């Protein structure tokens, strides 16, 4: 039966088509699409543009799988979608537009898939597996067999680049910062030191790119299909990637899709090689996809698959990793708490306003008090203003009762005169009574 597995990683999408059963797996076709999904992150959310790019690429890969006669396809996602907050929206869009169901792979299972795919190298002298991803780093002791013994660290090359590198490649100062940072991380993870491992097995796209750059720089070729790196030559390559004048050309000619990650990857590998004191360094071309398919065929892992014959989904759904669940639950709870607090404040303010309004309506207000407590800008009254009789008040009372600064002008008062007050006008003398005149002699 022919299977296909598509892996959505942080720096690329990769595909294998294999003829396989529980005893043997033969890889028929491999392809990698250099699309870096992390460039489409807004914080921890995958942008609409990023979802569109992912869907378009998956449609193209679906056609490739069909052309090679694949009967079933498993779509898996490792760290690329493991830490985003809107993974449910991404998986829904992918399912609607491609028919593929996304199988999320947790960190420990990812490391275990690497182990299963490369268990062949367990026969080498004290082997350790190293997988440098964009958002995670896996280190597995190939002498151990349990999933719980695998180590996966929740940081990767993209995190190192964003944290420490200001240009395309890290300079010597930035390289020292990266070294100090990863040494601390490796100490916390309790990785063994010199004397435990002798052979390093490099796995994954970043390590494959490192080998391609190394082979060009050191002018070496794989012998019998085995890719080997010499530690002394590798140290010279690391120095060249930090200070060499033509380092960009070297990477662009061999691994253009890893241009921004090669420098950080070389620094991390040098730290690990020195820590372990390895004598042999081998690059494997098998990784998570091959290991996952093998575990599914053996019945040790489950997943949803797409049937090319019926265009339907079958299989068993995998549990969503907890790191995807927590952010989704935390955000609405915070929003709900904030909303509840806001609603409580609004409710309290409304109740206070209603209470004050009811108290104002119920309380008796005397006319004198209302006039005294009235604001300066009192509302206008309709009709004529009440007349005030100046003769009913004494001078001091009239002054006290006068409005302070109302909108209406104060009544005009007579201007004061200087000097003595004018004398009151004397009444005119009344005319003397007329006396009757005496009759004349002539009468």
Protein backbone atom coordinates (compact mmCIF):
# COMPACT_ATOMS: atom_id res chain seq x y z
CA UNK A 1 0.00 0.00 0.00
CA UNK A 2 1.23 3.50 -0.79
CA UNK A 3 1.22 6.17 1.88
CA UNK A 4 2.15 9.82 1.91
CA UNK A 5 3.07 11.95 4.91
CA UNK A 6 3.24 15.73 4.90
CA UNK A 7 5.02 17.52 7.73
CA UNK A 8 4.25 21.18 8.47
CA UNK A 9 7.36 22.53 10.22
CA UNK A 10 8.32 26.08 11.15
CA UNK A 11 10.72 26.65 8.26
CA UNK A 12 9.36 24.40 5.48
CA UNK A 13 6.78 21.85 4.37
CA UNK A 14 8.09 18.40 3.47
CA UNK A 15 6.55 15.34 1.83
CA UNK A 16 7.35 11.65 1.47
CA UNK A 17 5.55 8.99 -0.58
CA UNK A 18 6.31 5.43 0.50
CA UNK A 19 5.33 1.87 -0.29
CA UNK A 20 5.12 0.36 3.15
CA UNK A 21 3.81 -2.34 5.45
CA UNK A 22 4.55 -3.15 9.08
CA UNK A 23 7.80 -4.90 8.13
CA UNK A 24 9.36 -2.67 5.50
CA UNK A 25 9.12 0.92 4.25
CA UNK A 26 10.48 1.99 0.88
CA UNK A 27 10.65 5.72 0.18
CA UNK A 28 9.53 6.39 -3.40
CA UNK A 29 9.58 10.18 -3.47
CA UNK A 30 10.69 13.08 -1.26
CA UNK A 31 10.16 16.80 -1.68
CA UNK A 32 10.55 19.92 0.42
CA UNK A 33 8.77 23.24 -0.06
CA UNK A 34 10.83 26.18 1.30
CA UNK A 35 7.99 28.16 2.86
CA UNK A 36 8.71 29.61 6.32
CA UNK A 37 5.41 29.87 8.15
CA UNK A 38 6.88 31.82 11.07
CA UNK A 39 7.07 34.87 8.83
CA UNK A 40 3.28 34.89 8.89
CA UNK A 41 2.90 35.10 12.65
CA UNK A 42 1.38 38.10 14.37
CA UNK A 43 2.42 37.50 17.94
CA UNK A 44 1.28 33.93 18.48
CA UNK A 45 -1.50 34.05 15.93
CA UNK A 46 -1.19 32.78 12.36
CA UNK A 47 -2.24 35.52 9.93
CA UNK A 48 -4.89 35.16 7.25
CA UNK A 49 -2.21 35.53 4.60
CA UNK A 50 -0.21 32.72 6.23
CA UNK A 51 -3.23 30.41 6.25
CA UNK A 52 -3.78 31.12 2.54
CA UNK A 53 -0.13 30.30 1.74
CA UNK A 54 -0.32 27.08 3.76
CA UNK A 55 -3.54 25.96 2.05
CA UNK A 56 -2.18 26.72 -1.44
CA UNK A 57 0.98 24.73 -0.76
CA UNK A 58 -0.98 21.76 0.63
CA UNK A 59 -3.20 21.73 -2.46
CA UNK A 60 -0.09 21.45 -4.64
CA UNK A 61 1.33 18.67 -2.47
CA UNK A 62 -2.01 16.84 -2.58
CA UNK A 63 -1.77 16.75 -6.37
CA UNK A 64 1.78 15.38 -6.14
CA UNK A 65 0.67 12.61 -3.77
CA UNK A 66 -2.18 11.64 -6.08
CA UNK A 67 0.16 11.53 -9.10
CA UNK A 68 2.46 9.08 -7.27
CA UNK A 69 -0.48 6.81 -6.52
CA UNK A 70 -0.72 7.45 -2.78
CA UNK A 71 -3.80 5.86 -1.29
CA UNK A 72 -3.67 7.52 2.12
CA UNK A 73 -2.16 10.72 3.39
CA UNK A 74 -1.26 11.76 6.92
CA UNK A 75 -0.79 15.48 7.56
CA UNK A 76 1.26 16.08 10.69
CA UNK A 77 2.38 19.29 12.34
CA UNK A 78 5.20 19.61 14.83
CA UNK A 79 6.38 22.84 16.46
CA UNK A 80 5.20 25.04 13.58
CA UNK A 81 1.56 24.97 14.70
CA UNK A 82 2.13 23.63 18.20
CA UNK A 83 2.55 27.06 19.80
CA UNK A 84 0.09 29.21 17.87
CA UNK A 85 -3.12 30.36 19.55
CA UNK A 86 -5.52 30.07 16.59
CA UNK A 87 -4.60 26.49 15.64
CA UNK A 88 -8.29 25.53 15.59
CA UNK A 89 -8.97 28.11 12.89
CA UNK A 90 -5.96 26.90 10.86
CA UNK A 91 -6.97 23.24 11.07
CA UNK A 92 -10.56 24.10 10.12
CA UNK A 93 -9.47 26.01 7.00
CA UNK A 94 -7.08 23.22 5.98
CA UNK A 95 -9.80 20.60 6.40
CA UNK A 96 -12.39 22.60 4.46
CA UNK A 97 -10.14 23.45 1.50
CA UNK A 98 -7.91 20.37 1.18
CA UNK A 99 -9.75 17.57 2.95
CA UNK A 100 -6.66 16.93 5.11
CA UNK A 101 -7.08 16.65 8.87
CA UNK A 102 -4.16 18.04 10.88
CA UNK A 103 -2.51 15.61 13.30
CA UNK A 104 -0.75 17.62 16.00
CA UNK A 105 2.43 15.98 17.29
CA UNK A 106 3.57 16.84 20.81
CA UNK A 107 7.23 17.47 21.62
CA UNK A 108 8.05 14.07 23.13
CA UNK A 109 6.33 12.20 20.28
CA UNK A 110 8.30 14.26 17.77
CA UNK A 111 11.55 13.21 19.42
CA UNK A 112 10.37 9.60 19.54
CA UNK A 113 9.52 9.65 15.81
CA UNK A 114 13.09 10.83 15.15
CA UNK A 115 14.36 7.93 17.26
CA UNK A 116 12.22 5.30 15.49
CA UNK A 117 13.29 6.53 12.06
CA UNK A 118 16.97 6.32 13.00
CA UNK A 119 17.07 3.29 15.28
CA UNK A 120 19.37 1.74 12.65
CA UNK A 121 22.19 3.91 14.01
CA UNK A 122 21.79 2.40 17.48
CA UNK A 123 24.45 -0.11 16.42
CA UNK A 124 27.03 2.67 16.11
CA UNK A 125 29.39 3.48 18.97
CA UNK A 126 27.48 5.36 21.70
CA UNK A 127 25.20 7.31 19.37
CA UNK A 128 23.20 10.46 20.16
CA UNK A 129 20.57 11.93 17.83
CA UNK A 130 20.37 15.71 17.27
CA UNK A 131 17.50 17.46 15.48
CA UNK A 132 17.65 21.26 15.22
CA UNK A 133 14.21 22.66 14.45
CA UNK A 134 12.99 26.19 14.09
CA UNK A 135 10.98 26.08 17.33
CA UNK A 136 12.38 23.04 19.15
CA UNK A 137 15.56 21.00 19.57
CA UNK A 138 15.50 17.23 20.10
CA UNK A 139 18.36 15.25 21.63
CA UNK A 140 17.84 11.49 21.96
CA UNK A 141 20.06 8.77 23.34
CA UNK A 142 19.76 6.01 20.73
CA UNK A 143 20.74 3.43 23.33
CA UNK A 144 17.41 4.04 25.10
CA UNK A 145 14.05 2.82 23.83
CA UNK A 146 11.32 4.47 25.88
CA UNK A 147 9.50 7.58 24.70
CA UNK A 148 9.92 9.12 28.15
CA UNK A 149 13.70 9.03 27.73
CA UNK A 150 13.63 11.40 24.76
CA UNK A 151 14.56 15.05 25.29
CA UNK A 152 12.83 17.94 23.53
CA UNK A 153 13.65 21.57 24.37
CA UNK A 154 11.09 24.28 23.70
CA UNK A 155 13.34 26.69 21.77
CA UNK A 156 14.83 26.50 18.32
CA UNK A 157 16.89 28.23 15.66
CA UNK A 158 14.25 30.81 14.89
CA UNK A 159 14.09 31.80 18.55
CA UNK A 160 17.87 32.18 18.67
CA UNK A 161 17.92 34.25 15.50
CA UNK A 162 15.23 36.64 16.73
CA UNK A 163 16.76 36.94 20.18
CA UNK A 164 20.41 37.48 19.34
CA UNK A 165 21.06 38.12 15.62
CA UNK A 166 20.76 41.65 14.25
CA UNK A 167 21.77 40.88 10.65
CA UNK A 168 21.62 37.83 8.39
CA UNK A 169 24.48 36.03 10.16
CA UNK A 170 25.52 36.35 13.80
CA UNK A 171 28.79 38.19 14.38
CA UNK A 172 31.38 36.97 16.89
CA UNK A 173 29.82 38.85 19.80
CA UNK A 174 26.35 37.52 19.00
CA UNK A 175 27.78 34.03 18.61
CA UNK A 176 29.18 34.23 22.15
CA UNK A 177 25.73 35.25 23.44
CA UNK A 178 24.16 32.29 21.64
CA UNK A 179 26.77 29.93 23.11
CA UNK A 180 26.13 31.15 26.65
CA UNK A 181 22.38 30.88 26.20
CA UNK A 182 22.33 27.34 24.80
CA UNK A 183 24.90 26.11 27.32
CA UNK A 184 22.57 27.20 30.10
CA UNK A 185 19.62 25.51 28.39
CA UNK A 186 21.59 22.26 27.94
CA UNK A 187 22.67 22.34 31.58
CA UNK A 188 19.07 22.78 32.69
CA UNK A 189 18.04 19.86 30.49
CA UNK A 190 20.83 17.83 32.15
CA UNK A 191 22.37 16.75 28.86
CA UNK A 192 25.40 14.47 29.35
CA UNK A 193 28.92 15.75 28.97
CA UNK A 194 32.07 14.26 27.40
CA UNK A 195 32.49 10.54 27.69
CA UNK A 196 28.86 9.43 27.25
CA UNK A 197 28.49 9.75 23.48
CA UNK A 198 30.89 9.09 20.64
CA UNK A 199 28.72 9.33 17.50
CA UNK A 200 26.39 12.22 16.62
CA UNK A 201 23.52 11.48 14.22
CA UNK A 202 22.21 14.73 12.70
CA UNK A 203 18.54 14.74 11.69
CA UNK A 204 16.20 17.26 10.10
CA UNK A 205 16.14 19.93 7.41
CA UNK A 206 18.51 22.36 9.17
CA UNK A 207 21.16 19.68 9.66
CA UNK A 208 20.77 18.57 6.04
CA UNK A 209 21.36 22.17 4.98
CA UNK A 210 24.42 22.38 7.24
CA UNK A 211 25.89 19.34 5.49
CA UNK A 212 25.26 20.79 2.02
CA UNK A 213 27.09 24.00 3.01
CA UNK A 214 29.87 22.00 4.68
CA UNK A 215 30.35 19.71 1.65
CA UNK A 216 30.78 22.71 -0.64
CA UNK A 217 33.09 24.55 1.76
CA UNK A 218 35.28 21.50 2.52
CA UNK A 219 34.98 20.12 -1.03
CA UNK A 220 33.85 16.67 0.08
CA UNK A 221 31.32 14.17 -1.25
CA UNK A 222 29.22 11.50 0.39
CA UNK A 223 30.83 8.08 0.01
CA UNK A 224 28.41 5.22 -0.55
CA UNK A 225 25.50 7.48 0.33
CA UNK A 226 26.88 8.11 3.82
CA UNK A 227 27.22 11.79 4.74
CA UNK A 228 30.05 12.39 7.21
CA UNK A 229 31.35 15.61 8.79
CA UNK A 230 34.89 16.02 10.20
CA UNK A 231 34.85 18.06 13.40
CA UNK A 232 38.09 20.02 12.64
CA UNK A 233 36.81 21.12 9.24
CA UNK A 234 33.43 21.91 10.74
CA UNK A 235 35.04 24.30 13.26
CA UNK A 236 36.65 26.17 10.37
CA UNK A 237 33.26 26.38 8.66
CA UNK A 238 31.72 27.91 11.77
CA UNK A 239 34.38 30.61 11.87
CA UNK A 240 33.88 31.28 8.17
CA UNK A 241 30.12 31.67 8.67
CA UNK A 242 30.81 34.29 11.34
CA UNK A 243 33.52 36.33 9.58
CA UNK A 244 33.92 35.10 5.98
CA UNK A 245 33.44 37.61 3.19
CA UNK A 246 31.63 35.20 0.85
CA UNK A 247 29.51 33.40 3.47
CA UNK A 248 26.22 34.64 2.00
CA UNK A 249 27.14 33.30 -1.43
CA UNK A 250 28.14 29.96 0.09
CA UNK A 251 24.76 29.54 1.81
CA UNK A 252 22.70 30.88 -1.11
CA UNK A 253 24.33 28.36 -3.45
CA UNK A 254 23.55 25.40 -1.19
CA UNK A 255 20.69 26.17 1.20
CA UNK A 256 18.97 29.46 0.31
CA UNK A 257 15.84 28.64 2.32
CA UNK A 258 18.00 28.40 5.48
CA UNK A 259 19.94 31.62 4.94
CA UNK A 260 18.88 33.16 8.25
CA UNK A 261 19.30 29.97 10.29
CA UNK A 262 22.60 28.46 9.13
CA UNK A 263 24.76 30.70 11.32
CA UNK A 264 22.83 29.96 14.51
CA UNK A 265 22.65 26.24 13.64
CA UNK A 266 26.42 26.03 13.18
CA UNK A 267 27.04 27.69 16.56
CA UNK A 268 24.63 25.34 18.39
CA UNK A 269 26.11 22.23 16.76
CA UNK A 270 29.63 23.28 17.70
CA UNK A 271 28.52 23.64 21.34
CA UNK A 272 26.90 20.18 21.31
CA UNK A 273 29.81 18.46 19.57
CA UNK A 274 32.26 19.93 22.08
CA UNK A 275 29.98 19.11 25.04
CA UNK A 276 29.59 15.47 24.00
CA UNK A 277 33.15 15.09 22.74
CA UNK A 278 31.97 13.09 19.70
CA UNK A 279 34.43 11.48 17.29
CA UNK A 280 32.02 10.68 14.43
CA UNK A 281 29.37 12.95 12.92
CA UNK A 282 26.83 11.41 10.52
CA UNK A 283 23.95 13.10 8.70
CA UNK A 284 20.74 11.06 8.32
CA UNK A 285 18.10 11.61 5.65
CA UNK A 286 15.29 10.11 7.77
CA UNK A 287 13.26 11.99 10.30
CA UNK A 288 9.84 12.64 11.85
CA UNK A 289 7.74 11.68 8.80
CA UNK A 290 9.37 8.28 8.40
CA UNK A 291 9.18 7.59 12.12
CA UNK A 292 5.53 8.60 12.39
CA UNK A 293 4.53 6.39 9.45
CA UNK A 294 6.40 3.44 10.98
CA UNK A 295 4.67 3.91 14.34
CA UNK A 296 1.25 4.10 12.64
CA UNK A 297 1.92 0.91 10.68
CA UNK A 298 2.97 -0.84 13.89
CA UNK A 299 -0.17 0.35 15.66
CA UNK A 300 1.80 2.36 18.22
CA UNK A 301 0.49 5.75 17.04
CA UNK A 302 -2.87 6.90 15.75
CA UNK A 303 -3.95 9.66 13.44
CA UNK A 304 -6.53 10.86 10.96
CA UNK A 305 -5.80 10.07 7.33
CA UNK A 306 -7.18 11.21 4.00
CA UNK A 307 -8.43 8.56 1.56
CA UNK A 308 -7.65 9.53 -2.05
CA UNK A 309 -10.15 7.00 -3.43
CA UNK A 310 -13.17 8.35 -1.54
CA UNK A 311 -12.03 11.87 -0.65
CA UNK A 312 -13.01 11.11 2.93
CA UNK A 313 -11.28 11.18 6.29
CA UNK A 314 -10.67 8.04 8.33
CA UNK A 315 -8.63 6.93 11.27
CA UNK A 316 -8.57 8.07 14.88
CA UNK A 317 -8.24 11.66 15.98
CA UNK A 318 -5.21 12.51 18.09
CA UNK A 319 -5.43 14.48 21.34
CA UNK A 320 -4.52 18.14 20.95
CA UNK A 321 -1.26 19.01 22.75
CA UNK A 322 -1.83 20.87 26.01
CA UNK A 323 0.36 23.80 24.96
CA UNK A 324 -2.29 24.58 22.34
CA UNK A 325 -5.16 24.36 24.78
CA UNK A 326 -3.88 26.64 27.52
CA UNK A 327 -3.63 29.92 25.58
CA UNK A 328 -7.11 29.47 24.12
CA UNK A 329 -8.66 28.89 27.54
CA UNK A 330 -6.73 31.62 29.28
CA UNK A 331 -7.56 34.45 26.91
CA UNK A 332 -11.39 34.15 27.07
CA UNK A 333 -11.22 33.78 30.86
CA UNK A 334 -9.29 37.00 31.14
CA UNK A 335 -11.66 38.72 28.78
CA UNK A 336 -14.64 37.36 30.69
CA UNK A 337 -13.21 38.58 33.99
CA UNK A 338 -12.53 42.01 32.58
CA UNK A 339 -16.00 42.15 31.04
CA UNK A 340 -17.62 41.05 34.31
CA UNK A 341 -15.68 43.70 36.21
CA UNK A 342 -16.73 46.33 33.72
CA UNK A 343 -20.38 45.25 33.85
CA UNK A 344 -20.30 45.27 37.65
CA UNK A 345 -18.94 48.81 37.64
CA UNK A 346 -21.58 49.95 35.20
CA UNK A 347 -24.31 48.24 37.22
CA UNK A 348 -23.06 49.88 40.43
CA UNK A 349 -22.95 53.29 38.80
CA UNK A 350 -26.47 52.81 37.42
CA UNK A 351 -27.81 51.72 40.80
CA UNK A 352 -26.17 54.71 42.48
CA UNK A 353 -27.66 57.06 39.92
CA UNK A 354 -31.12 55.51 40.33
CA UNK A 355 -30.86 55.69 44.10
CA UNK A 356 -29.82 59.33 44.03
CA UNK A 357 -32.62 60.18 41.61
CA UNK A 358 -35.25 58.44 43.80
CA UNK A 359 -33.94 60.16 46.93
CA UNK A 360 -34.11 63.53 45.20
CA UNK A 361 -37.69 62.93 44.10
CA UNK A 362 -38.80 61.73 47.56
CA UNK A 363 -37.15 64.40 49.73
CA UNK A 364 -39.31 67.53 50.55
CA UNK A 365 -37.62 70.70 49.48
CA UNK A 366 -38.52 74.05 51.06
CA UNK A 367 -38.72 77.09 48.86
CA UNK A 368 -36.11 78.98 50.85
CA UNK A 369 -33.63 76.09 50.80
CA UNK A 370 -34.12 75.44 47.14
CA UNK A 371 -33.41 79.05 46.38
CA UNK A 372 -30.33 79.03 48.57
CA UNK A 373 -28.89 75.80 47.12
CA UNK A 374 -29.71 76.61 43.52
CA UNK A 375 -26.70 76.71 41.16
CA UNK A 376 -25.39 79.99 39.91
CA UNK A 377 -26.58 79.40 36.37
CA UNK A 378 -30.21 78.76 37.30
CA UNK A 379 -32.58 77.57 34.61
CA UNK A 380 -34.79 80.15 32.97
CA UNK A 381 -38.40 80.50 34.11
CA UNK A 382 -41.22 81.09 31.76
CA UNK A 383 -43.40 84.14 32.12
CA UNK A 384 -42.65 87.47 33.77
CA UNK A 385 -40.17 87.56 36.65
CA UNK A 386 -41.71 88.29 40.06
CA UNK A 387 -41.59 91.91 41.08
CA UNK A 388 -39.59 92.91 44.13
CA UNK A 389 -40.65 95.95 46.07
CA UNK A 390 -37.71 98.09 47.08
CA UNK A 391 -39.78 99.78 49.75
CA UNK A 392 -40.36 96.50 51.66
CA UNK A 393 -36.68 95.94 52.38
CA UNK A 394 -34.12 97.81 54.30
CA UNK A 395 -30.85 98.60 52.60
CA UNK A 396 -28.91 95.71 54.15
CA UNK A 397 -31.65 93.12 53.52
CA UNK A 398 -32.07 94.21 49.96
CA UNK A 399 -28.34 93.87 49.45
CA UNK A 400 -28.34 90.33 50.92
CA UNK A 401 -31.32 89.18 48.85
CA UNK A 402 -29.92 90.48 45.58
CA UNK A 403 -28.81 87.70 43.13
CA UNK A 404 -25.05 87.17 42.81
CA UNK A 405 -24.36 86.83 39.12
CA UNK A 406 -27.42 85.61 37.38
CA UNK A 407 -28.04 85.80 33.72
CA UNK A 408 -30.47 88.77 34.09
CA UNK A 409 -28.93 92.22 34.76
CA UNK A 410 -29.36 93.63 38.25
CA UNK A 411 -31.89 96.53 38.61
CA UNK A 412 -30.33 99.93 38.22
CA UNK A 413 -29.88 101.94 41.45
CA UNK A 414 -29.65 105.71 41.78
CA UNK A 415 -26.06 107.00 41.73
CA UNK A 416 -24.72 108.49 44.92
CA UNK A 417 -24.18 112.32 45.14
CA UNK A 418 -21.27 113.92 46.83
CA UNK A 419 -21.61 116.75 49.36
CA UNK A 420 -24.55 117.78 51.41
CA UNK A 421 -27.91 116.39 50.58
CA UNK A 422 -30.12 118.89 48.71
CA UNK A 423 -32.44 120.96 50.85
CA UNK A 424 -36.02 120.14 50.74
CA UNK A 425 -37.98 122.64 48.66
CA UNK A 426 -39.93 125.20 50.78
CA UNK A 427 -43.61 125.31 50.14
CA UNK A 428 -44.72 128.44 48.34
CA UNK A 429 -46.51 131.04 50.60
CA UNK A 430 -50.19 130.91 50.40
CA UNK A 431 -51.81 134.16 49.03
CA UNK A 432 -53.22 136.64 51.63
CA UNK A 433 -56.97 136.71 52.01
CA UNK A 434 -58.67 139.52 50.17
CA UNK A 435 -60.29 142.23 52.44
CA UNK A 436 -63.35 143.96 51.19
CA UNK A 437 -62.54 147.50 50.05
CA UNK A 438 -64.38 150.48 51.58
CA UNK A 439 -67.02 152.16 49.51
CA UNK A 440 -65.91 155.39 47.99
CA UNK A 441 -67.49 158.80 48.70
CA UNK A 442 -68.78 158.77 45.27
CA UNK A 443 -71.09 155.93 46.20
